[in-house]
């Protein structure tokens, strides 16, 4: 298309399709894993049940409980990301990670919605997603400093759990794609393919030598 002697080129891009059925199933798998690991944590004594397990002070949390909380937050979304990539049948790391990340977003919204209507289904650090008890019930009522401190600790724990879950979804999607989990893999493949494809000049030289 030309306008007054100038060439006008429109923007072009390739859309990245999203397969929503695997995304939803992966999100459900992650949510179920969060609840299952929460129940296991309560059973072994790492967490308290329901909203009583809300993190109110990090100084009172043992190292084993912290390690378990980080591990299960990571593993739950590894499962969700892996399920998403496998059901979608994606065999490349980039779209698999994209779908796993979308499943993470859907699962996070589901966790927040479930926590807002019934936080008792959660255990551990995800209890921080439930409404905070630090908010005064009556207008003008002062906020209890201890409750505010506890709300801050709970929100921090929930934020850490969400960020760890995001990392887990990326790893799970990458694992589900079946590609090697090596950051230098693509660079080595590019170099190998470049060496295998001869240039036009090299082809002409080789043809002249044969004559």
N, C-alpha and C. Protein backbone atom coordinates (compact mmCIF):
# COMPACT_ATOMS: atom_id res chain seq x y z
N UNK A 1 0.85 -1.21 0.00
CA UNK A 1 0.00 0.00 0.00
C UNK A 1 0.88 1.25 0.00
N UNK A 2 0.65 2.19 -0.97
CA UNK A 2 1.48 3.39 -1.08
C UNK A 2 0.60 4.63 -0.90
N UNK A 3 1.14 5.58 -0.18
CA UNK A 3 0.47 6.86 0.01
C UNK A 3 1.49 7.96 -0.21
N UNK A 4 1.30 8.74 -1.36
CA UNK A 4 2.17 9.87 -1.68
C UNK A 4 3.63 9.43 -1.76
N UNK A 5 3.86 8.32 -2.41
CA UNK A 5 5.23 7.87 -2.64
C UNK A 5 5.88 7.17 -1.47
N UNK A 6 5.21 7.09 -0.33
CA UNK A 6 5.79 6.43 0.84
C UNK A 6 5.14 5.07 1.02
N UNK A 7 5.94 4.10 1.43
CA UNK A 7 5.44 2.76 1.67
C UNK A 7 4.96 2.66 3.11
N UNK A 8 3.71 2.29 3.28
CA UNK A 8 3.11 2.17 4.60
C UNK A 8 2.94 0.69 4.91
N UNK A 9 3.53 0.25 5.99
CA UNK A 9 3.44 -1.15 6.39
C UNK A 9 2.71 -1.24 7.73
N UNK A 10 1.69 -2.08 7.74
CA UNK A 10 0.95 -2.27 8.97
C UNK A 10 1.66 -3.22 9.92
N UNK A 11 1.32 -3.11 11.20
CA UNK A 11 1.90 -4.02 12.19
C UNK A 11 1.37 -5.43 11.97
N UNK A 12 2.22 -6.39 12.17
CA UNK A 12 1.82 -7.79 12.01
C UNK A 12 2.39 -8.59 13.16
N UNK A 13 1.64 -9.56 13.62
CA UNK A 13 2.10 -10.44 14.68
C UNK A 13 1.36 -11.76 14.56
N UNK A 14 1.89 -12.74 15.22
CA UNK A 14 1.31 -14.07 15.21
C UNK A 14 0.67 -14.33 16.56
N UNK A 15 -0.61 -14.62 16.56
CA UNK A 15 -1.31 -14.89 17.81
C UNK A 15 -0.86 -16.22 18.39
N UNK A 16 -0.82 -16.28 19.71
CA UNK A 16 -0.44 -17.51 20.41
C UNK A 16 -1.72 -18.13 20.97
N UNK A 17 -2.20 -19.21 20.37
CA UNK A 17 -3.49 -19.76 20.83
C UNK A 17 -3.40 -20.31 22.24
N UNK A 18 -4.52 -20.21 22.95
CA UNK A 18 -4.61 -20.71 24.33
C UNK A 18 -5.67 -21.80 24.36
N UNK A 19 -5.30 -22.95 24.90
CA UNK A 19 -6.23 -24.08 25.02
C UNK A 19 -6.80 -24.05 26.44
N UNK A 20 -8.05 -23.63 26.54
CA UNK A 20 -8.62 -23.35 27.85
C UNK A 20 -8.99 -24.60 28.62
N UNK A 21 -9.36 -25.66 27.95
CA UNK A 21 -9.71 -26.88 28.69
C UNK A 21 -8.52 -27.40 29.50
N UNK A 22 -7.32 -27.57 28.92
CA UNK A 22 -6.17 -27.97 29.75
C UNK A 22 -5.85 -26.96 30.84
N UNK A 23 -6.04 -25.67 30.55
CA UNK A 23 -5.75 -24.64 31.55
C UNK A 23 -6.67 -24.81 32.76
N UNK A 24 -7.95 -25.02 32.51
CA UNK A 24 -8.90 -25.16 33.62
C UNK A 24 -8.62 -26.44 34.41
N UNK A 25 -8.33 -27.53 33.70
CA UNK A 25 -8.04 -28.79 34.39
C UNK A 25 -6.76 -28.66 35.22
N UNK A 26 -5.74 -28.01 34.67
CA UNK A 26 -4.51 -27.81 35.43
C UNK A 26 -4.72 -26.93 36.64
N UNK A 27 -5.56 -25.90 36.51
CA UNK A 27 -5.86 -25.04 37.65
C UNK A 27 -6.59 -25.83 38.74
N UNK A 28 -7.53 -26.67 38.34
CA UNK A 28 -8.23 -27.50 39.32
C UNK A 28 -7.27 -28.46 40.01
N UNK A 29 -6.34 -29.02 39.25
CA UNK A 29 -5.35 -29.92 39.84
C UNK A 29 -4.50 -29.20 40.88
N UNK A 30 -4.11 -27.95 40.58
CA UNK A 30 -3.30 -27.18 41.52
C UNK A 30 -4.09 -26.86 42.79
N UNK A 31 -5.36 -26.49 42.64
CA UNK A 31 -6.19 -26.17 43.81
C UNK A 31 -6.38 -27.40 44.68
N UNK A 32 -6.66 -28.53 44.06
CA UNK A 32 -6.83 -29.77 44.84
C UNK A 32 -5.53 -30.12 45.54
N UNK A 33 -4.39 -29.93 44.87
CA UNK A 33 -3.10 -30.23 45.48
C UNK A 33 -2.84 -29.32 46.68
N UNK A 34 -3.20 -28.04 46.56
CA UNK A 34 -3.03 -27.11 47.69
C UNK A 34 -3.84 -27.59 48.89
N UNK A 35 -5.08 -27.97 48.66
CA UNK A 35 -5.93 -28.43 49.75
C UNK A 35 -5.43 -29.74 50.33
N UNK A 36 -4.98 -30.67 49.46
CA UNK A 36 -4.49 -31.96 49.93
C UNK A 36 -3.24 -31.80 50.79
N UNK A 37 -2.29 -31.01 50.31
CA UNK A 37 -1.06 -30.80 51.08
C UNK A 37 -1.34 -30.05 52.37
N UNK A 38 -2.37 -29.16 52.35
CA UNK A 38 -2.75 -28.48 53.58
C UNK A 38 -3.28 -29.45 54.62
N UNK A 39 -4.11 -30.38 54.18
CA UNK A 39 -4.64 -31.38 55.11
C UNK A 39 -3.52 -32.26 55.64
N UNK A 40 -2.59 -32.64 54.77
CA UNK A 40 -1.45 -33.46 55.21
C UNK A 40 -0.61 -32.70 56.23
N UNK A 41 -0.40 -31.39 55.97
CA UNK A 41 0.37 -30.58 56.91
C UNK A 41 -0.28 -30.51 58.27
N UNK A 42 -1.60 -30.42 58.28
CA UNK A 42 -2.32 -30.43 59.56
C UNK A 42 -2.21 -31.78 60.24
N UNK A 43 -2.29 -32.85 59.43
CA UNK A 43 -2.23 -34.19 60.00
C UNK A 43 -0.89 -34.49 60.65
N UNK A 44 0.19 -34.00 60.07
CA UNK A 44 1.53 -34.27 60.63
C UNK A 44 1.93 -33.23 61.67
N UNK A 45 1.10 -32.21 61.88
CA UNK A 45 1.38 -31.24 62.93
C UNK A 45 2.15 -30.01 62.49
N UNK A 46 2.35 -29.84 61.15
CA UNK A 46 3.08 -28.66 60.69
C UNK A 46 2.21 -27.42 60.74
N UNK A 47 0.91 -27.58 60.49
CA UNK A 47 -0.01 -26.44 60.49
C UNK A 47 -1.19 -26.73 61.38
N UNK A 48 -1.87 -25.66 61.76
CA UNK A 48 -3.14 -25.77 62.45
C UNK A 48 -4.26 -25.77 61.43
N UNK A 49 -5.40 -26.29 61.82
CA UNK A 49 -6.53 -26.41 60.90
C UNK A 49 -7.25 -25.08 60.77
N UNK A 50 -7.76 -24.81 59.55
CA UNK A 50 -8.61 -23.66 59.31
C UNK A 50 -7.91 -22.34 59.52
N UNK A 51 -8.69 -21.31 59.89
CA UNK A 51 -8.14 -19.97 60.05
C UNK A 51 -7.21 -19.85 61.26
N UNK A 52 -7.24 -20.83 62.18
CA UNK A 52 -6.31 -20.80 63.30
C UNK A 52 -4.87 -21.00 62.83
N UNK A 53 -4.71 -21.51 61.62
CA UNK A 53 -3.37 -21.70 61.07
C UNK A 53 -2.80 -20.48 60.40
N UNK A 54 -3.51 -19.35 60.47
CA UNK A 54 -3.01 -18.12 59.85
C UNK A 54 -1.68 -17.72 60.48
N UNK A 55 -0.73 -17.35 59.64
CA UNK A 55 0.57 -16.92 60.13
C UNK A 55 0.43 -15.55 60.77
N UNK A 56 0.75 -15.46 62.05
CA UNK A 56 0.64 -14.19 62.78
C UNK A 56 2.00 -13.64 63.20
N UNK A 57 2.99 -14.49 63.24
CA UNK A 57 4.33 -14.06 63.65
C UNK A 57 5.33 -15.08 63.12
N UNK A 58 6.26 -14.62 62.29
CA UNK A 58 7.23 -15.54 61.69
C UNK A 58 8.23 -16.08 62.71
N UNK A 59 8.39 -15.37 63.82
CA UNK A 59 9.35 -15.84 64.82
C UNK A 59 8.89 -17.12 65.50
N UNK A 60 7.59 -17.39 65.46
CA UNK A 60 7.08 -18.60 66.10
C UNK A 60 6.95 -19.78 65.17
N UNK A 61 7.44 -19.65 63.93
CA UNK A 61 7.33 -20.74 62.96
C UNK A 61 8.66 -21.48 62.90
N UNK A 62 8.61 -22.78 63.03
CA UNK A 62 9.83 -23.59 62.96
C UNK A 62 10.35 -23.72 61.55
N UNK A 63 11.60 -24.14 61.44
CA UNK A 63 12.21 -24.30 60.12
C UNK A 63 11.55 -25.40 59.31
N UNK A 64 11.13 -26.45 59.98
CA UNK A 64 10.46 -27.55 59.28
C UNK A 64 9.14 -27.08 58.68
N UNK A 65 8.39 -26.29 59.43
CA UNK A 65 7.12 -25.77 58.93
C UNK A 65 7.33 -24.84 57.75
N UNK A 66 8.37 -23.99 57.81
CA UNK A 66 8.67 -23.09 56.69
C UNK A 66 9.07 -23.89 55.46
N UNK A 67 9.94 -24.89 55.65
CA UNK A 67 10.38 -25.71 54.52
C UNK A 67 9.20 -26.45 53.89
N UNK A 68 8.31 -26.96 54.73
CA UNK A 68 7.15 -27.68 54.21
C UNK A 68 6.22 -26.73 53.46
N UNK A 69 6.02 -25.54 53.98
CA UNK A 69 5.13 -24.57 53.33
C UNK A 69 5.67 -24.19 51.96
N UNK A 70 6.97 -23.91 51.86
CA UNK A 70 7.57 -23.55 50.58
C UNK A 70 7.50 -24.73 49.61
N UNK A 71 7.79 -25.93 50.12
CA UNK A 71 7.81 -27.11 49.26
C UNK A 71 6.43 -27.40 48.68
N UNK A 72 5.40 -27.37 49.51
CA UNK A 72 4.07 -27.72 49.01
C UNK A 72 3.51 -26.62 48.11
N UNK A 73 3.84 -25.36 48.38
CA UNK A 73 3.40 -24.28 47.50
C UNK A 73 4.01 -24.44 46.12
N UNK A 74 5.26 -24.86 46.09
CA UNK A 74 5.95 -25.09 44.82
C UNK A 74 5.41 -26.33 44.12
N UNK A 75 5.29 -27.43 44.87
CA UNK A 75 4.90 -28.71 44.28
C UNK A 75 3.46 -28.69 43.77
N UNK A 76 2.56 -28.01 44.47
CA UNK A 76 1.16 -27.98 44.04
C UNK A 76 1.03 -27.38 42.64
N UNK A 77 1.78 -26.33 42.36
CA UNK A 77 1.66 -25.71 41.05
C UNK A 77 2.57 -26.36 40.02
N UNK A 78 3.58 -27.09 40.46
CA UNK A 78 4.30 -27.96 39.52
C UNK A 78 3.33 -28.99 38.95
N UNK A 79 2.52 -29.55 39.82
CA UNK A 79 1.51 -30.53 39.39
C UNK A 79 0.52 -29.87 38.43
N UNK A 80 0.04 -28.69 38.79
CA UNK A 80 -0.91 -27.99 37.91
C UNK A 80 -0.32 -27.66 36.55
N UNK A 81 0.92 -27.18 36.53
CA UNK A 81 1.56 -26.84 35.26
C UNK A 81 1.84 -28.07 34.41
N UNK A 82 2.25 -29.14 35.06
CA UNK A 82 2.53 -30.39 34.33
C UNK A 82 1.24 -30.96 33.73
N UNK A 83 0.18 -30.97 34.50
CA UNK A 83 -1.11 -31.46 34.00
C UNK A 83 -1.58 -30.62 32.81
N UNK A 84 -1.42 -29.32 32.90
CA UNK A 84 -1.84 -28.44 31.81
C UNK A 84 -1.09 -28.76 30.52
N UNK A 85 0.24 -28.85 30.61
CA UNK A 85 1.04 -29.10 29.41
C UNK A 85 0.77 -30.47 28.82
N UNK A 86 0.61 -31.47 29.68
CA UNK A 86 0.40 -32.83 29.17
C UNK A 86 -0.96 -32.99 28.51
N UNK A 87 -2.00 -32.41 29.10
CA UNK A 87 -3.33 -32.53 28.51
C UNK A 87 -3.40 -31.75 27.19
N UNK A 88 -2.75 -30.60 27.15
CA UNK A 88 -2.74 -29.81 25.91
C UNK A 88 -1.90 -30.48 24.82
N UNK A 89 -1.01 -31.40 25.19
CA UNK A 89 -0.17 -32.06 24.20
C UNK A 89 0.91 -31.16 23.63
N UNK A 90 1.32 -30.15 24.39
CA UNK A 90 2.32 -29.20 23.91
C UNK A 90 3.71 -29.80 24.10
N UNK A 91 4.53 -29.74 23.07
CA UNK A 91 5.86 -30.33 23.13
C UNK A 91 6.98 -29.30 23.00
N UNK A 92 6.64 -28.04 23.11
CA UNK A 92 7.64 -26.98 23.14
C UNK A 92 7.54 -26.25 24.47
N UNK A 93 8.69 -25.85 25.01
CA UNK A 93 8.73 -25.31 26.36
C UNK A 93 7.99 -23.98 26.48
N UNK A 94 8.16 -23.08 25.48
CA UNK A 94 7.58 -21.75 25.62
C UNK A 94 6.05 -21.77 25.71
N UNK A 95 5.33 -22.38 24.77
CA UNK A 95 3.86 -22.40 24.93
C UNK A 95 3.40 -23.22 26.12
N UNK A 96 4.18 -24.24 26.50
CA UNK A 96 3.82 -25.03 27.67
C UNK A 96 3.91 -24.18 28.93
N UNK A 97 4.97 -23.38 29.05
CA UNK A 97 5.12 -22.49 30.20
C UNK A 97 4.02 -21.42 30.20
N UNK A 98 3.69 -20.90 29.01
CA UNK A 98 2.62 -19.91 28.92
C UNK A 98 1.30 -20.48 29.44
N UNK A 99 0.94 -21.68 29.01
CA UNK A 99 -0.30 -22.29 29.46
C UNK A 99 -0.26 -22.60 30.96
N UNK A 100 0.90 -23.03 31.45
CA UNK A 100 1.03 -23.30 32.89
C UNK A 100 0.86 -22.02 33.70
N UNK A 101 1.41 -20.91 33.19
CA UNK A 101 1.27 -19.64 33.89
C UNK A 101 -0.19 -19.16 33.89
N UNK A 102 -0.89 -19.39 32.78
CA UNK A 102 -2.30 -19.02 32.74
C UNK A 102 -3.10 -19.88 33.72
N UNK A 103 -2.76 -21.17 33.80
CA UNK A 103 -3.41 -22.04 34.78
C UNK A 103 -3.15 -21.56 36.20
N UNK A 104 -1.94 -21.05 36.44
CA UNK A 104 -1.62 -20.48 37.75
C UNK A 104 -2.51 -19.29 38.06
N UNK A 105 -2.73 -18.42 37.07
CA UNK A 105 -3.60 -17.27 37.28
C UNK A 105 -5.02 -17.71 37.61
N UNK A 106 -5.53 -18.67 36.85
CA UNK A 106 -6.89 -19.15 37.10
C UNK A 106 -6.98 -19.79 38.49
N UNK A 107 -5.98 -20.59 38.85
CA UNK A 107 -5.99 -21.25 40.16
C UNK A 107 -5.91 -20.23 41.29
N UNK A 108 -5.13 -19.17 41.11
CA UNK A 108 -5.02 -18.14 42.15
C UNK A 108 -6.36 -17.43 42.36
N UNK A 109 -7.04 -17.12 41.28
CA UNK A 109 -8.36 -16.50 41.40
C UNK A 109 -9.32 -17.45 42.11
N UNK A 110 -9.25 -18.72 41.80
CA UNK A 110 -10.11 -19.70 42.46
C UNK A 110 -9.79 -19.79 43.95
N UNK A 111 -8.51 -19.76 44.30
CA UNK A 111 -8.13 -19.83 45.71
C UNK A 111 -8.62 -18.61 46.48
N UNK A 112 -8.49 -17.43 45.87
CA UNK A 112 -8.96 -16.21 46.53
C UNK A 112 -10.48 -16.25 46.71
N UNK A 113 -11.19 -16.72 45.68
CA UNK A 113 -12.65 -16.79 45.77
C UNK A 113 -13.08 -17.78 46.85
N UNK A 114 -12.42 -18.92 46.91
CA UNK A 114 -12.75 -19.91 47.93
C UNK A 114 -12.41 -19.42 49.32
N UNK A 115 -11.29 -18.71 49.45
CA UNK A 115 -10.89 -18.19 50.76
C UNK A 115 -11.86 -17.11 51.24
N UNK A 116 -12.42 -16.34 50.32
CA UNK A 116 -13.32 -15.25 50.72
C UNK A 116 -14.66 -15.77 51.24
N UNK A 117 -15.06 -16.96 50.80
CA UNK A 117 -16.34 -17.51 51.24
C UNK A 117 -16.21 -18.58 52.30
N UNK A 118 -15.02 -19.13 52.43
CA UNK A 118 -14.83 -20.19 53.43
C UNK A 118 -13.38 -20.52 53.62
N UNK A 119 -12.69 -19.71 54.42
CA UNK A 119 -11.27 -19.91 54.61
C UNK A 119 -10.92 -21.18 55.35
N UNK A 120 -11.92 -21.84 55.93
CA UNK A 120 -11.63 -23.05 56.71
C UNK A 120 -11.13 -24.19 55.85
N UNK A 121 -11.32 -24.10 54.52
CA UNK A 121 -10.87 -25.19 53.66
C UNK A 121 -9.37 -25.11 53.44
N UNK A 122 -8.72 -24.02 53.81
CA UNK A 122 -7.29 -23.85 53.59
C UNK A 122 -6.53 -24.04 54.89
N UNK A 123 -5.31 -24.48 54.71
CA UNK A 123 -4.38 -24.63 55.83
C UNK A 123 -3.06 -24.00 55.42
N UNK A 124 -2.28 -23.62 56.40
CA UNK A 124 -0.95 -23.12 56.08
C UNK A 124 -0.96 -21.68 55.60
N UNK A 125 -0.04 -21.36 54.71
CA UNK A 125 0.18 -19.98 54.31
C UNK A 125 -0.92 -19.44 53.42
N UNK A 126 -1.68 -20.31 52.78
CA UNK A 126 -2.76 -19.84 51.92
C UNK A 126 -3.95 -19.31 52.72
N UNK A 127 -3.94 -19.52 54.03
CA UNK A 127 -5.01 -18.95 54.86
C UNK A 127 -4.97 -17.43 54.81
N UNK A 128 -3.79 -16.87 54.51
CA UNK A 128 -3.66 -15.43 54.41
C UNK A 128 -4.49 -14.82 53.29
N UNK A 129 -4.99 -15.66 52.36
CA UNK A 129 -5.85 -15.16 51.30
C UNK A 129 -7.26 -14.84 51.80
N UNK A 130 -7.63 -15.40 52.95
CA UNK A 130 -8.95 -15.14 53.52
C UNK A 130 -9.01 -13.71 54.07
N UNK A 131 -10.20 -13.15 54.21
CA UNK A 131 -10.32 -11.79 54.76
C UNK A 131 -9.64 -11.66 56.12
N UNK A 132 -8.95 -10.55 56.32
CA UNK A 132 -8.18 -10.35 57.54
C UNK A 132 -9.09 -9.98 58.71
N UNK A 133 -8.84 -10.56 59.89
CA UNK A 133 -9.63 -10.18 61.07
C UNK A 133 -9.23 -8.84 61.65
N UNK A 134 -8.20 -8.20 61.07
CA UNK A 134 -7.74 -6.92 61.61
C UNK A 134 -8.68 -5.78 61.25
N UNK A 135 -9.56 -5.99 60.27
CA UNK A 135 -10.48 -4.93 59.86
C UNK A 135 -11.54 -4.74 60.94
N UNK A 136 -11.72 -3.54 61.45
CA UNK A 136 -12.74 -3.31 62.50
C UNK A 136 -14.14 -3.64 62.00
N UNK A 137 -14.94 -4.22 62.86
CA UNK A 137 -16.31 -4.55 62.50
C UNK A 137 -17.21 -3.34 62.48
N UNK A 138 -16.89 -2.32 63.26
CA UNK A 138 -17.70 -1.10 63.32
C UNK A 138 -16.90 0.08 62.78
N UNK A 139 -17.60 1.00 62.16
CA UNK A 139 -16.96 2.19 61.61
C UNK A 139 -16.40 3.05 62.75
N UNK A 140 -15.15 3.49 62.60
CA UNK A 140 -14.52 4.33 63.60
C UNK A 140 -13.85 3.57 64.72
N UNK A 141 -14.00 2.29 64.76
CA UNK A 141 -13.35 1.49 65.80
C UNK A 141 -11.86 1.38 65.51
N UNK A 142 -11.00 1.62 66.51
CA UNK A 142 -9.55 1.56 66.26
C UNK A 142 -9.10 0.13 65.93
N UNK A 143 -8.03 0.06 65.18
CA UNK A 143 -7.47 -1.22 64.78
C UNK A 143 -6.53 -1.73 65.87
N UNK A 144 -6.68 -2.97 66.23
CA UNK A 144 -5.81 -3.59 67.22
C UNK A 144 -4.41 -3.73 66.62
N UNK A 145 -3.36 -3.16 67.26
CA UNK A 145 -2.01 -3.27 66.70
C UNK A 145 -1.55 -4.71 66.53
N UNK A 146 -1.88 -5.58 67.45
CA UNK A 146 -1.49 -6.98 67.33
C UNK A 146 -2.19 -7.64 66.15
N UNK A 147 -3.46 -7.30 65.94
CA UNK A 147 -4.19 -7.86 64.81
C UNK A 147 -3.62 -7.34 63.49
N UNK A 148 -3.22 -6.07 63.49
CA UNK A 148 -2.62 -5.51 62.28
C UNK A 148 -1.29 -6.18 61.97
N UNK A 149 -0.50 -6.43 62.99
CA UNK A 149 0.77 -7.12 62.80
C UNK A 149 0.55 -8.54 62.29
N UNK A 150 -0.46 -9.19 62.85
CA UNK A 150 -0.77 -10.55 62.39
C UNK A 150 -1.25 -10.55 60.94
N UNK A 151 -2.05 -9.54 60.58
CA UNK A 151 -2.52 -9.44 59.19
C UNK A 151 -1.36 -9.22 58.23
N UNK A 152 -0.38 -8.42 58.65
CA UNK A 152 0.80 -8.18 57.82
C UNK A 152 1.58 -9.47 57.60
N UNK A 153 1.77 -10.23 58.67
CA UNK A 153 2.50 -11.49 58.55
C UNK A 153 1.74 -12.48 57.67
N UNK A 154 0.41 -12.53 57.83
CA UNK A 154 -0.38 -13.44 57.00
C UNK A 154 -0.35 -13.07 55.54
N UNK A 155 -0.42 -11.76 55.26
CA UNK A 155 -0.35 -11.31 53.87
C UNK A 155 1.01 -11.61 53.26
N UNK A 156 2.07 -11.43 54.03
CA UNK A 156 3.42 -11.74 53.54
C UNK A 156 3.55 -13.22 53.23
N UNK A 157 3.03 -14.06 54.12
CA UNK A 157 3.10 -15.50 53.88
C UNK A 157 2.32 -15.89 52.63
N UNK A 158 1.14 -15.30 52.44
CA UNK A 158 0.35 -15.60 51.25
C UNK A 158 1.06 -15.13 49.98
N UNK A 159 1.70 -13.96 50.04
CA UNK A 159 2.43 -13.46 48.87
C UNK A 159 3.59 -14.38 48.51
N UNK A 160 4.31 -14.84 49.53
CA UNK A 160 5.43 -15.78 49.27
C UNK A 160 4.90 -17.06 48.66
N UNK A 161 3.78 -17.57 49.18
CA UNK A 161 3.20 -18.79 48.64
C UNK A 161 2.79 -18.61 47.19
N UNK A 162 2.23 -17.46 46.85
CA UNK A 162 1.81 -17.20 45.47
C UNK A 162 3.01 -17.12 44.54
N UNK A 163 4.06 -16.42 44.95
CA UNK A 163 5.25 -16.29 44.11
C UNK A 163 5.95 -17.64 43.91
N UNK A 164 6.02 -18.42 44.99
CA UNK A 164 6.61 -19.75 44.87
C UNK A 164 5.75 -20.62 43.95
N UNK A 165 4.43 -20.46 44.04
CA UNK A 165 3.54 -21.20 43.15
C UNK A 165 3.73 -20.82 41.69
N UNK A 166 3.98 -19.55 41.41
CA UNK A 166 4.24 -19.13 40.04
C UNK A 166 5.50 -19.80 39.49
N UNK A 167 6.55 -19.83 40.31
CA UNK A 167 7.77 -20.52 39.89
C UNK A 167 7.50 -22.01 39.66
N UNK A 168 6.70 -22.61 40.52
CA UNK A 168 6.37 -24.01 40.36
C UNK A 168 5.59 -24.28 39.08
N UNK A 169 4.68 -23.38 38.71
CA UNK A 169 3.91 -23.58 37.48
C UNK A 169 4.81 -23.51 36.25
N UNK A 170 5.80 -22.62 36.27
CA UNK A 170 6.74 -22.53 35.16
C UNK A 170 7.53 -23.83 35.02
N UNK A 171 8.04 -24.32 36.14
CA UNK A 171 8.80 -25.57 36.11
C UNK A 171 7.90 -26.73 35.68
N UNK A 172 6.67 -26.78 36.18
CA UNK A 172 5.77 -27.86 35.81
C UNK A 172 5.42 -27.85 34.34
N UNK A 173 5.17 -26.66 33.78
CA UNK A 173 4.89 -26.58 32.35
C UNK A 173 6.08 -27.00 31.51
N UNK A 174 7.27 -26.61 31.94
CA UNK A 174 8.48 -26.99 31.21
C UNK A 174 8.68 -28.50 31.27
N UNK A 175 8.47 -29.07 32.43
CA UNK A 175 8.58 -30.53 32.56
C UNK A 175 7.54 -31.25 31.69
N UNK A 176 6.32 -30.71 31.66
CA UNK A 176 5.27 -31.35 30.89
C UNK A 176 5.52 -31.32 29.39
N UNK A 177 6.29 -30.33 28.93
CA UNK A 177 6.57 -30.26 27.50
C UNK A 177 7.51 -31.37 27.04
N UNK A 178 8.31 -31.91 27.96
CA UNK A 178 9.25 -32.97 27.59
C UNK A 178 10.58 -32.46 27.07
N UNK A 179 10.74 -31.14 26.91
CA UNK A 179 12.02 -30.61 26.44
C UNK A 179 13.03 -30.56 27.58
N UNK A 180 14.30 -30.57 27.21
CA UNK A 180 15.36 -30.53 28.21
C UNK A 180 15.30 -29.24 29.00
N UNK A 181 15.41 -29.36 30.31
CA UNK A 181 15.37 -28.19 31.19
C UNK A 181 16.77 -27.62 31.32
N UNK A 182 17.22 -26.98 30.23
CA UNK A 182 18.57 -26.44 30.15
C UNK A 182 18.48 -25.10 29.43
N UNK A 183 18.90 -24.02 30.08
CA UNK A 183 18.79 -22.70 29.49
C UNK A 183 19.69 -22.53 28.27
N UNK A 184 20.77 -23.28 28.18
CA UNK A 184 21.68 -23.17 27.05
C UNK A 184 21.33 -24.14 25.92
N UNK A 185 20.25 -24.89 26.06
CA UNK A 185 19.89 -25.89 25.06
C UNK A 185 19.58 -25.24 23.72
N UNK A 186 18.79 -24.18 23.71
CA UNK A 186 18.40 -23.54 22.46
C UNK A 186 19.59 -22.88 21.78
N UNK A 187 20.50 -22.32 22.56
CA UNK A 187 21.69 -21.70 21.97
C UNK A 187 22.55 -22.74 21.28
N UNK A 188 22.72 -23.89 21.92
CA UNK A 188 23.50 -24.97 21.29
C UNK A 188 22.81 -25.49 20.04
N UNK A 189 21.47 -25.59 20.08
CA UNK A 189 20.74 -26.05 18.90
C UNK A 189 20.87 -25.05 17.76
N UNK A 190 20.83 -23.77 18.07
CA UNK A 190 20.97 -22.76 17.02
C UNK A 190 22.34 -22.82 16.38
N UNK A 191 23.37 -22.98 17.19
CA UNK A 191 24.72 -23.08 16.65
C UNK A 191 24.87 -24.33 15.80
N UNK A 192 24.30 -25.43 16.25
CA UNK A 192 24.41 -26.68 15.51
C UNK A 192 23.70 -26.60 14.16
N UNK A 193 22.50 -25.99 14.15
CA UNK A 193 21.77 -25.85 12.89
C UNK A 193 22.47 -24.88 11.95
N UNK A 194 23.11 -23.84 12.49
CA UNK A 194 23.84 -22.89 11.65
C UNK A 194 25.02 -23.56 10.97
N UNK A 195 25.69 -24.44 11.70
CA UNK A 195 26.82 -25.15 11.11
C UNK A 195 26.38 -26.16 10.06
N UNK A 196 25.19 -26.70 10.21
CA UNK A 196 24.72 -27.72 9.28
C UNK A 196 24.23 -27.13 7.97
N UNK A 197 23.74 -25.89 7.99
CA UNK A 197 23.20 -25.26 6.78
C UNK A 197 24.31 -24.51 6.07
N UNK A 198 24.78 -24.95 4.90
CA UNK A 198 25.86 -24.26 4.20
C UNK A 198 25.36 -23.00 3.53
N UNK A 199 26.24 -22.03 3.40
CA UNK A 199 25.88 -20.78 2.73
C UNK A 199 25.92 -20.96 1.22
N UNK A 200 25.35 -19.99 0.49
CA UNK A 200 25.36 -20.06 -0.97
C UNK A 200 26.77 -20.00 -1.52
N UNK A 201 27.62 -19.22 -0.90
CA UNK A 201 29.00 -19.09 -1.37
C UNK A 201 29.74 -20.40 -1.22
N UNK A 202 29.53 -21.05 -0.05
CA UNK A 202 30.19 -22.33 0.16
C UNK A 202 29.71 -23.37 -0.83
N UNK A 203 28.42 -23.35 -1.15
CA UNK A 203 27.86 -24.31 -2.10
C UNK A 203 28.45 -24.09 -3.50
N UNK A 204 28.60 -22.80 -3.92
CA UNK A 204 29.17 -22.51 -5.24
C UNK A 204 30.62 -22.92 -5.30
N UNK A 205 31.36 -22.70 -4.19
CA UNK A 205 32.78 -23.07 -4.18
C UNK A 205 32.95 -24.57 -4.28
N UNK A 206 32.09 -25.30 -3.53
CA UNK A 206 32.20 -26.74 -3.58
C UNK A 206 31.82 -27.26 -4.96
N UNK A 207 30.82 -26.65 -5.60
CA UNK A 207 30.46 -27.06 -6.96
C UNK A 207 31.55 -26.79 -7.97
N UNK A 208 32.26 -25.64 -7.82
CA UNK A 208 33.36 -25.34 -8.73
C UNK A 208 34.53 -26.30 -8.57
N UNK A 209 34.79 -26.72 -7.32
CA UNK A 209 35.88 -27.67 -7.10
C UNK A 209 35.58 -29.02 -7.72
N UNK A 210 34.31 -29.40 -7.71
CA UNK A 210 33.98 -30.68 -8.29
C UNK A 210 34.17 -30.70 -9.79
N UNK A 211 33.92 -29.51 -10.45
CA UNK A 211 34.15 -29.45 -11.89
C UNK A 211 35.65 -29.52 -12.22
